[in-house]
Amino acid sequence: MDKTVGLRPGDRLQLKKNHPCGNSMFTVIRVGADIKLQCQGCGHVVVLERPVLNARIKKVLDGGE
């Protein structure tokens, strides 16, 4: 099952692994071939390819625009 289908900017994601700052919550900034996420803990922006992100998503939370 592809968890990245239907993602929209503003959605919040909980990933399986924590960011180095210790936070596991991210906000979707841009959706395309790659997906741009912003860490809710430190504000760092991360760009991940869809297959990589699909493997790392633990939970998709509401909050889309």
N, C-alpha and C. Protein backbone atom coordinates (compact mmCIF):
# COMPACT_ATOMS: atom_id res chain seq x y z
N MET A 1 0.85 -1.19 0.00
CA MET A 1 0.00 0.00 0.00
C MET A 1 0.89 1.25 0.00
N ASP A 2 0.61 2.16 -0.91
CA ASP A 2 1.40 3.38 -1.03
C ASP A 2 0.80 4.47 -0.15
N LYS A 3 1.50 4.80 0.91
CA LYS A 3 1.01 5.80 1.87
C LYS A 3 1.20 7.22 1.37
N THR A 4 2.02 7.41 0.31
CA THR A 4 2.28 8.76 -0.18
C THR A 4 1.19 9.25 -1.13
N VAL A 5 0.32 8.35 -1.61
CA VAL A 5 -0.77 8.77 -2.49
C VAL A 5 -1.78 9.55 -1.67
N GLY A 6 -2.17 10.70 -2.16
CA GLY A 6 -3.16 11.51 -1.45
C GLY A 6 -2.56 12.49 -0.45
N LEU A 7 -1.25 12.55 -0.34
CA LEU A 7 -0.64 13.54 0.54
C LEU A 7 -0.82 14.93 -0.04
N ARG A 8 -1.08 15.90 0.82
CA ARG A 8 -1.26 17.29 0.39
C ARG A 8 -0.40 18.18 1.28
N PRO A 9 -0.02 19.34 0.76
CA PRO A 9 0.71 20.29 1.61
C PRO A 9 -0.10 20.61 2.87
N GLY A 10 0.57 20.58 3.99
CA GLY A 10 -0.08 20.84 5.27
C GLY A 10 -0.36 19.58 6.07
N ASP A 11 -0.33 18.41 5.43
CA ASP A 11 -0.52 17.16 6.16
C ASP A 11 0.64 16.95 7.12
N ARG A 12 0.33 16.34 8.24
CA ARG A 12 1.37 16.04 9.22
C ARG A 12 1.65 14.55 9.19
N LEU A 13 2.92 14.18 9.26
CA LEU A 13 3.34 12.79 9.22
C LEU A 13 4.14 12.44 10.47
N GLN A 14 3.93 11.24 10.96
CA GLN A 14 4.80 10.70 12.00
C GLN A 14 5.64 9.63 11.32
N LEU A 15 6.97 9.78 11.36
CA LEU A 15 7.87 8.83 10.72
C LEU A 15 8.37 7.81 11.74
N LYS A 16 8.82 6.67 11.23
CA LYS A 16 9.30 5.60 12.09
C LYS A 16 10.58 5.97 12.83
N LYS A 17 11.48 6.71 12.14
CA LYS A 17 12.73 7.12 12.76
C LYS A 17 12.67 8.60 13.11
N ASN A 18 13.28 8.96 14.21
CA ASN A 18 13.33 10.35 14.62
C ASN A 18 14.35 11.13 13.80
N HIS A 19 14.10 12.42 13.66
CA HIS A 19 15.07 13.35 13.07
C HIS A 19 16.19 13.49 14.11
N PRO A 20 17.38 13.88 13.71
CA PRO A 20 18.47 14.02 14.69
C PRO A 20 18.14 14.94 15.87
N CYS A 21 17.18 15.86 15.70
CA CYS A 21 16.80 16.74 16.82
C CYS A 21 15.93 16.00 17.84
N GLY A 22 15.48 14.77 17.51
CA GLY A 22 14.69 13.98 18.45
C GLY A 22 13.21 13.96 18.15
N ASN A 23 12.76 14.70 17.16
CA ASN A 23 11.34 14.78 16.83
C ASN A 23 11.03 13.83 15.68
N SER A 24 9.81 13.22 15.70
CA SER A 24 9.41 12.33 14.62
C SER A 24 8.24 12.88 13.81
N MET A 25 7.81 14.11 14.09
CA MET A 25 6.67 14.72 13.41
C MET A 25 7.15 15.69 12.33
N PHE A 26 6.58 15.57 11.13
CA PHE A 26 6.95 16.40 9.99
C PHE A 26 5.69 16.93 9.32
N THR A 27 5.81 18.09 8.66
CA THR A 27 4.73 18.69 7.90
C THR A 27 5.11 18.65 6.42
N VAL A 28 4.16 18.26 5.58
CA VAL A 28 4.39 18.21 4.14
C VAL A 28 4.36 19.64 3.60
N ILE A 29 5.41 20.03 2.87
CA ILE A 29 5.49 21.37 2.29
C ILE A 29 5.16 21.32 0.80
N ARG A 30 5.72 20.32 0.08
CA ARG A 30 5.52 20.22 -1.36
C ARG A 30 5.40 18.76 -1.74
N VAL A 31 4.49 18.50 -2.71
CA VAL A 31 4.30 17.14 -3.20
C VAL A 31 4.55 17.12 -4.69
N GLY A 32 5.34 16.17 -5.14
CA GLY A 32 5.65 15.99 -6.55
C GLY A 32 6.35 14.66 -6.69
N ALA A 33 7.32 14.57 -7.58
CA ALA A 33 8.11 13.35 -7.70
C ALA A 33 8.84 13.08 -6.39
N ASP A 34 9.34 14.16 -5.78
CA ASP A 34 9.92 14.11 -4.44
C ASP A 34 8.96 14.83 -3.50
N ILE A 35 9.05 14.53 -2.23
CA ILE A 35 8.18 15.18 -1.24
C ILE A 35 9.06 15.95 -0.27
N LYS A 36 8.73 17.24 -0.09
CA LYS A 36 9.50 18.10 0.80
C LYS A 36 8.77 18.16 2.14
N LEU A 37 9.51 17.87 3.21
CA LEU A 37 8.98 17.86 4.57
C LEU A 37 9.72 18.87 5.42
N GLN A 38 9.03 19.39 6.44
CA GLN A 38 9.68 20.27 7.42
C GLN A 38 9.51 19.65 8.79
N CYS A 39 10.61 19.52 9.51
CA CYS A 39 10.60 18.98 10.87
C CYS A 39 9.85 19.94 11.77
N GLN A 40 8.93 19.43 12.58
CA GLN A 40 8.17 20.29 13.48
C GLN A 40 8.96 20.64 14.73
N GLY A 41 10.08 19.96 14.94
CA GLY A 41 10.90 20.26 16.11
C GLY A 41 11.88 21.39 15.87
N CYS A 42 12.68 21.27 14.81
CA CYS A 42 13.74 22.25 14.57
C CYS A 42 13.52 23.09 13.32
N GLY A 43 12.56 22.73 12.47
CA GLY A 43 12.27 23.51 11.27
C GLY A 43 13.13 23.15 10.07
N HIS A 44 13.98 22.15 10.19
CA HIS A 44 14.84 21.74 9.08
C HIS A 44 13.99 21.16 7.96
N VAL A 45 14.34 21.46 6.70
CA VAL A 45 13.60 20.98 5.54
C VAL A 45 14.32 19.78 4.94
N VAL A 46 13.56 18.71 4.67
CA VAL A 46 14.10 17.47 4.14
C VAL A 46 13.34 17.12 2.86
N VAL A 47 14.05 16.68 1.83
CA VAL A 47 13.41 16.23 0.59
C VAL A 47 13.67 14.74 0.45
N LEU A 48 12.57 13.96 0.33
CA LEU A 48 12.68 12.50 0.19
C LEU A 48 11.94 12.04 -1.05
N GLU A 49 12.47 11.00 -1.69
CA GLU A 49 11.78 10.39 -2.82
C GLU A 49 10.59 9.60 -2.28
N ARG A 50 9.55 9.46 -3.11
CA ARG A 50 8.33 8.78 -2.68
C ARG A 50 8.56 7.37 -2.11
N PRO A 51 9.35 6.50 -2.79
CA PRO A 51 9.53 5.15 -2.23
C PRO A 51 10.22 5.16 -0.87
N VAL A 52 11.16 6.07 -0.69
CA VAL A 52 11.87 6.17 0.59
C VAL A 52 10.91 6.65 1.68
N LEU A 53 10.14 7.69 1.37
CA LEU A 53 9.19 8.21 2.35
C LEU A 53 8.12 7.18 2.67
N ASN A 54 7.65 6.45 1.66
CA ASN A 54 6.61 5.45 1.87
C ASN A 54 7.06 4.40 2.89
N ALA A 55 8.34 4.03 2.85
CA ALA A 55 8.86 3.05 3.80
C ALA A 55 9.01 3.62 5.21
N ARG A 56 9.15 4.95 5.33
CA ARG A 56 9.41 5.58 6.63
C ARG A 56 8.16 6.09 7.34
N ILE A 57 7.02 6.18 6.66
CA ILE A 57 5.81 6.72 7.29
C ILE A 57 5.24 5.72 8.28
N LYS A 58 5.02 6.21 9.49
CA LYS A 58 4.37 5.41 10.52
C LYS A 58 2.87 5.74 10.55
N LYS A 59 2.54 7.04 10.48
CA LYS A 59 1.15 7.47 10.57
C LYS A 59 0.97 8.78 9.82
N VAL A 60 -0.16 8.92 9.10
CA VAL A 60 -0.51 10.16 8.43
C VAL A 60 -1.60 10.82 9.26
N LEU A 61 -1.34 12.06 9.70
CA LEU A 61 -2.31 12.80 10.51
C LEU A 61 -2.99 13.83 9.64
N ASP A 62 -4.17 14.28 10.05
CA ASP A 62 -4.91 15.28 9.29
C ASP A 62 -4.20 16.63 9.33
N GLY A 63 -4.75 17.62 8.63
CA GLY A 63 -4.18 18.95 8.67
C GLY A 63 -3.90 19.51 7.32
N GLY A 64 -4.46 18.91 6.25
CA GLY A 64 -4.24 19.42 4.91
C GLY A 64 -4.91 20.76 4.68
N GLU A 65 -4.43 21.49 3.68
CA GLU A 65 -4.97 22.82 3.38
C GLU A 65 -6.37 22.71 2.81
